[in-house]
Amino acid sequence: MQTIVLPIDVNTGLTDDIANKVVDNLQLQTVRQQAIEQLRNLYKMFITLDATQVEINPWATDPKNKLFCIDAKINVDDNAKFRQKELVELRKTSVASEQVDPHEELALAAGLNYVALDGNIGCMVNGAGLAMATMDIIKLYGGDPANFLDVGGGANVEQVKTAFEILNSHPKVETILINIFGGIMKCNIIAEGIIKAAQLVDLKTPLVVRLTGTNSQQGAKMLDEFAKSQTKVQITTATDLDDAAQKSVKIAKVSRKQ
């Protein structure tokens, strides 16, 4: 099957020339005007809804040669949902909402990215690349990642608290690995957020924390001192990612035996 790509200049929009090329390539000449009108409406919807994707599959004609869009897949940019409040509300009341993970909704409302996995080691990271590396190294040392929460580059205490609540509620999670690279957000600020959030949440799951980047030693020291000062939250710091993964897997195995 040949893939045909027709770029559209957003400054110009969908031109008649491009619309006609789409119609010709899809062999919709007998319903040309209907197809062009629908293409214009689809493009208008794509722009108006801050969409990242509008996929039509299939287009079909009835015995009277009337063109219909039978099914569609539409993705809206998460960063633009503040402009699409009507769509967000519709999603909450739709049949599809019954299939949405409530943890995903909670994470989205808090400005976090959440990916559910069926394992026993919860992961809090900042950045998709770090998330993949964390998952790989956990698997390398015999562990099984349970879910991922990406707190981004500027996580605050409330976001970390929400992340803990989500990870802590997972029935299979036996330890939580926090793997954070401190760039713009300094590691001592991250450590402070972890401590405050851990105090606010009834956190029964042990934490393994690996911080690297700006003020990482200061952040690790703060966490070590907090861990020694109380017995409610079990916090173990790690020197690097290998160390963090090995400690997480070991603590998860001990928790499973208990």
Protein backbone atom coordinates (compact mmCIF):
# COMPACT_ATOMS: atom_id res chain seq x y z
CA MET A 1 0.00 0.00 0.00
CA GLN A 2 1.39 3.38 -1.03
CA THR A 3 1.54 6.15 1.54
CA ILE A 4 0.87 9.62 0.16
CA VAL A 5 1.86 12.69 2.18
CA LEU A 6 0.66 16.17 1.25
CA PRO A 7 2.11 18.85 3.56
CA ILE A 8 -0.08 21.84 4.44
CA ASP A 9 1.38 25.27 5.16
CA VAL A 10 -0.41 26.44 8.33
CA ASN A 11 -0.09 30.03 7.15
CA THR A 12 -2.03 29.20 3.98
CA GLY A 13 -4.28 26.39 5.17
CA LEU A 14 -5.90 23.68 3.08
CA THR A 15 -5.83 24.87 -0.54
CA ASP A 16 -8.10 23.70 -3.36
CA ASP A 17 -5.07 22.15 -5.06
CA ILE A 18 -4.24 19.96 -2.06
CA ALA A 19 -7.89 19.03 -1.51
CA ASN A 20 -8.23 17.94 -5.13
CA LYS A 21 -5.06 15.87 -4.89
CA VAL A 22 -6.45 14.07 -1.84
CA VAL A 23 -9.72 13.36 -3.67
CA ASP A 24 -7.89 12.05 -6.74
CA ASN A 25 -5.55 9.82 -4.72
CA LEU A 26 -8.48 8.36 -2.77
CA GLN A 27 -10.47 7.91 -5.98
CA LEU A 28 -13.40 9.94 -4.71
CA GLN A 29 -14.04 11.76 -7.99
CA THR A 30 -17.75 10.86 -8.03
CA VAL A 31 -18.24 12.67 -4.68
CA ARG A 32 -15.57 15.32 -5.23
CA GLN A 33 -17.46 18.32 -3.83
CA GLN A 34 -18.66 16.42 -0.75
CA ALA A 35 -15.12 15.15 -0.10
CA ILE A 36 -13.58 18.62 -0.47
CA GLU A 37 -16.17 20.12 1.89
CA GLN A 38 -15.48 17.40 4.48
CA LEU A 39 -11.72 17.87 4.10
CA ARG A 40 -12.10 21.58 4.79
CA ASN A 41 -14.22 20.84 7.86
CA LEU A 42 -11.70 18.28 9.08
CA TYR A 43 -8.84 20.71 8.71
CA LYS A 44 -10.84 23.43 10.50
CA MET A 45 -11.59 20.97 13.32
CA PHE A 46 -7.91 19.96 13.53
CA ILE A 47 -6.85 23.57 14.07
CA THR A 48 -9.77 24.60 16.29
CA LEU A 49 -9.44 21.64 18.65
CA ASP A 50 -5.63 21.88 19.03
CA ALA A 51 -5.50 18.36 17.62
CA THR A 52 -2.34 16.35 17.11
CA GLN A 53 -4.17 13.76 15.00
CA VAL A 54 -7.44 13.43 13.10
CA GLU A 55 -7.66 9.99 11.51
CA ILE A 56 -10.64 9.05 9.32
CA ASN A 57 -11.13 5.35 8.74
CA PRO A 58 -13.20 4.62 6.78
CA TRP A 59 -14.88 7.06 4.44
CA ALA A 60 -17.83 5.40 2.73
CA THR A 61 -20.65 6.17 0.31
CA ASP A 62 -24.26 4.98 0.52
CA PRO A 63 -26.42 3.78 -2.43
CA LYS A 64 -27.37 7.42 -3.09
CA ASN A 65 -23.69 8.32 -3.43
CA LYS A 66 -23.61 10.36 -0.25
CA LEU A 67 -20.24 10.47 1.51
CA PHE A 68 -20.01 9.60 5.21
CA CYS A 69 -17.20 9.58 7.75
CA ILE A 70 -17.91 6.27 9.47
CA ASP A 71 -15.27 6.32 12.19
CA ALA A 72 -12.55 8.65 13.43
CA LYS A 73 -9.73 8.90 15.93
CA ILE A 74 -8.97 12.35 17.31
CA ASN A 75 -6.14 13.22 19.68
CA VAL A 76 -5.98 16.59 21.38
CA ASP A 77 -2.74 18.13 22.62
CA ASP A 78 -2.64 17.68 26.42
CA ASN A 79 -0.93 21.05 26.77
CA ALA A 80 -3.92 22.76 25.11
CA LYS A 81 -6.70 21.16 27.15
CA PHE A 82 -7.18 24.35 29.13
CA ARG A 83 -8.61 25.74 25.88
CA GLN A 84 -10.72 22.64 25.25
CA LYS A 85 -12.74 22.46 28.48
CA GLU A 86 -15.91 21.41 26.65
CA LEU A 87 -14.15 18.37 25.18
CA VAL A 88 -12.68 17.45 28.57
CA GLU A 89 -16.17 17.53 30.11
CA LEU A 90 -17.62 15.46 27.26
CA ARG A 91 -14.93 12.84 27.80
CA LYS A 92 -15.87 12.53 31.47
CA THR A 93 -19.48 11.66 30.61
CA SER A 94 -18.82 9.48 27.58
CA VAL A 95 -18.84 5.68 27.42
CA ALA A 96 -15.08 5.81 26.80
CA SER A 97 -14.57 7.36 30.25
CA GLU A 98 -15.39 3.97 31.79
CA GLN A 99 -12.24 2.61 30.14
CA VAL A 100 -9.95 5.38 31.44
CA ASP A 101 -7.59 4.55 34.28
CA PRO A 102 -8.59 6.82 37.21
CA HIS A 103 -4.90 7.12 38.11
CA GLU A 104 -4.23 8.50 34.64
CA GLU A 105 -6.96 11.10 35.14
CA LEU A 106 -5.56 12.06 38.54
CA ALA A 107 -2.05 12.39 37.12
CA LEU A 108 -3.28 14.45 34.18
CA ALA A 109 -5.12 16.86 36.48
CA ALA A 110 -1.90 17.32 38.47
CA GLY A 111 0.20 17.97 35.36
CA LEU A 112 1.95 14.58 35.50
CA ASN A 113 2.48 11.95 32.81
CA TYR A 114 1.40 8.47 33.90
CA VAL A 115 1.98 5.07 32.30
CA ALA A 116 0.52 1.99 33.97
CA LEU A 117 2.50 -1.27 33.95
CA ASP A 118 1.87 -4.57 35.66
CA GLY A 119 4.90 -4.96 37.95
CA ASN A 120 5.99 -4.45 41.55
CA ILE A 121 8.40 -1.46 41.44
CA GLY A 122 6.78 1.95 41.03
CA CYS A 123 8.89 4.61 39.34
CA MET A 124 8.96 8.38 39.66
CA VAL A 125 11.21 10.03 37.09
CA ASN A 126 11.62 13.28 35.20
CA GLY A 127 11.84 12.82 31.44
CA ALA A 128 10.82 10.10 28.98
CA GLY A 129 14.41 9.06 28.26
CA LEU A 130 15.15 8.58 31.94
CA ALA A 131 11.91 6.60 32.27
CA MET A 132 13.00 4.14 29.56
CA ALA A 133 16.48 3.79 31.05
CA THR A 134 14.98 3.19 34.50
CA MET A 135 12.66 0.49 33.17
CA ASP A 136 15.50 -1.24 31.31
CA ILE A 137 17.83 -1.34 34.28
CA ILE A 138 15.12 -2.60 36.64
CA LYS A 139 14.47 -5.46 34.22
CA LEU A 140 18.23 -6.07 33.92
CA TYR A 141 18.48 -6.74 37.66
CA GLY A 142 15.46 -9.02 37.75
CA GLY A 143 12.80 -6.50 38.76
CA ASP A 144 9.50 -5.62 37.16
CA PRO A 145 8.41 -1.96 36.82
CA ALA A 146 4.83 -1.37 37.96
CA ASN A 147 4.07 2.09 36.62
CA PHE A 148 5.74 5.36 35.72
CA LEU A 149 5.06 8.89 36.82
CA ASP A 150 6.97 11.58 34.95
CA VAL A 151 7.01 14.69 37.14
CA GLY A 152 8.74 16.83 34.50
CA GLY A 153 11.34 19.49 35.12
CA GLY A 154 9.60 21.64 37.72
CA ALA A 155 7.72 19.36 40.10
CA ASN A 156 6.31 20.96 43.24
CA VAL A 157 5.35 19.41 46.56
CA GLU A 158 1.70 18.94 45.55
CA GLN A 159 2.69 17.10 42.37
CA VAL A 160 5.09 14.81 44.25
CA LYS A 161 2.34 14.19 46.83
CA THR A 162 -0.08 13.19 44.06
CA ALA A 163 2.58 10.95 42.53
CA PHE A 164 3.07 9.20 45.88
CA GLU A 165 -0.68 8.74 46.29
CA ILE A 166 -0.96 7.14 42.85
CA LEU A 167 2.08 4.88 43.26
CA ASN A 168 1.16 3.98 46.84
CA SER A 169 -2.35 2.90 45.81
CA HIS A 170 -1.11 0.34 43.29
CA PRO A 171 -1.82 -3.08 44.90
CA LYS A 172 1.32 -4.74 43.57
CA VAL A 173 3.88 -2.00 44.28
CA GLU A 174 6.41 -3.16 46.89
CA THR A 175 8.89 -0.32 46.53
CA ILE A 176 9.08 3.04 44.75
CA LEU A 177 12.20 4.06 42.83
CA ILE A 178 12.65 7.81 42.47
CA ASN A 179 15.15 8.59 39.72
CA ILE A 180 15.57 12.33 39.20
CA PHE A 181 18.05 14.37 37.20
CA GLY A 182 18.41 17.82 38.74
CA GLY A 183 18.98 20.35 36.00
CA ILE A 184 16.84 23.46 36.19
CA MET A 185 15.23 22.03 39.31
CA LYS A 186 18.00 21.59 41.91
CA CYS A 187 18.29 18.29 43.75
CA ASN A 188 18.03 19.86 47.22
CA ILE A 189 14.68 21.38 46.21
CA ILE A 190 13.57 17.97 44.90
CA ALA A 191 14.65 16.32 48.17
CA GLU A 192 12.70 18.91 50.15
CA GLY A 193 9.63 18.17 48.04
CA ILE A 194 10.01 14.41 48.57
CA ILE A 195 10.30 14.88 52.35
CA LYS A 196 7.27 17.17 52.61
CA ALA A 197 5.16 14.98 50.34
CA ALA A 198 6.15 11.82 52.24
CA GLN A 199 5.00 13.49 55.47
CA LEU A 200 1.63 14.40 53.94
CA VAL A 201 0.90 10.95 52.52
CA ASP A 202 0.44 7.80 54.57
CA LEU A 203 3.34 6.27 52.67
CA LYS A 204 3.85 2.64 53.62
CA THR A 205 5.88 1.70 50.56
CA PRO A 206 9.70 1.94 50.90
CA LEU A 207 11.45 4.55 48.77
CA VAL A 208 14.74 4.25 46.93
CA VAL A 209 15.98 7.65 45.75
CA ARG A 210 18.68 8.39 43.22
CA LEU A 211 19.43 12.07 42.62
CA THR A 212 22.01 13.34 40.16
CA GLY A 213 22.83 16.80 38.92
CA THR A 214 22.86 20.18 40.64
CA ASN A 215 23.19 19.91 44.46
CA SER A 216 22.72 16.12 44.35
CA GLN A 217 24.98 15.51 47.37
CA GLN A 218 23.08 18.09 49.40
CA GLY A 219 19.77 16.48 48.41
CA ALA A 220 20.97 12.97 49.32
CA LYS A 221 22.20 14.24 52.69
CA MET A 222 18.80 15.80 53.44
CA LEU A 223 17.06 12.51 52.64
CA ASP A 224 19.49 10.47 54.75
CA GLU A 225 18.99 12.79 57.72
CA PHE A 226 15.21 12.64 57.33
CA ALA A 227 15.30 8.83 57.15
CA LYS A 228 17.31 8.67 60.40
CA SER A 229 15.02 11.11 62.22
CA GLN A 230 11.86 9.03 61.87
CA THR A 231 10.65 5.47 61.35
CA LYS A 232 7.41 6.08 59.48
CA VAL A 233 8.88 6.37 55.97
CA GLN A 234 11.66 4.05 54.81
CA ILE A 235 14.02 5.97 52.51
CA THR A 236 17.18 4.51 50.96
CA THR A 237 19.47 6.71 48.87
CA ALA A 238 21.48 5.37 45.94
CA THR A 239 24.76 6.54 44.44
CA ASP A 240 23.90 5.81 40.79
CA LEU A 241 21.26 4.14 38.64
CA ASP A 242 22.75 0.65 38.96
CA ASP A 243 22.82 1.00 42.73
CA ALA A 244 19.24 2.31 42.76
CA ALA A 245 17.90 -0.53 40.62
CA GLN A 246 19.65 -3.22 42.65
CA LYS A 247 18.42 -1.77 45.95
CA SER A 248 14.86 -1.45 44.59
CA VAL A 249 14.78 -5.08 43.44
CA LYS A 250 16.24 -6.28 46.76
CA ILE A 251 13.77 -4.30 48.89
CA ALA A 252 10.86 -5.48 46.72
CA LYS A 253 11.90 -9.11 47.28
CA VAL A 254 12.10 -8.57 51.05
CA SER A 255 8.68 -6.87 51.08
CA ARG A 256 7.20 -9.80 49.14
CA LYS A 257 8.47 -12.31 51.71
CA GLN A 258 6.96 -10.28 54.55
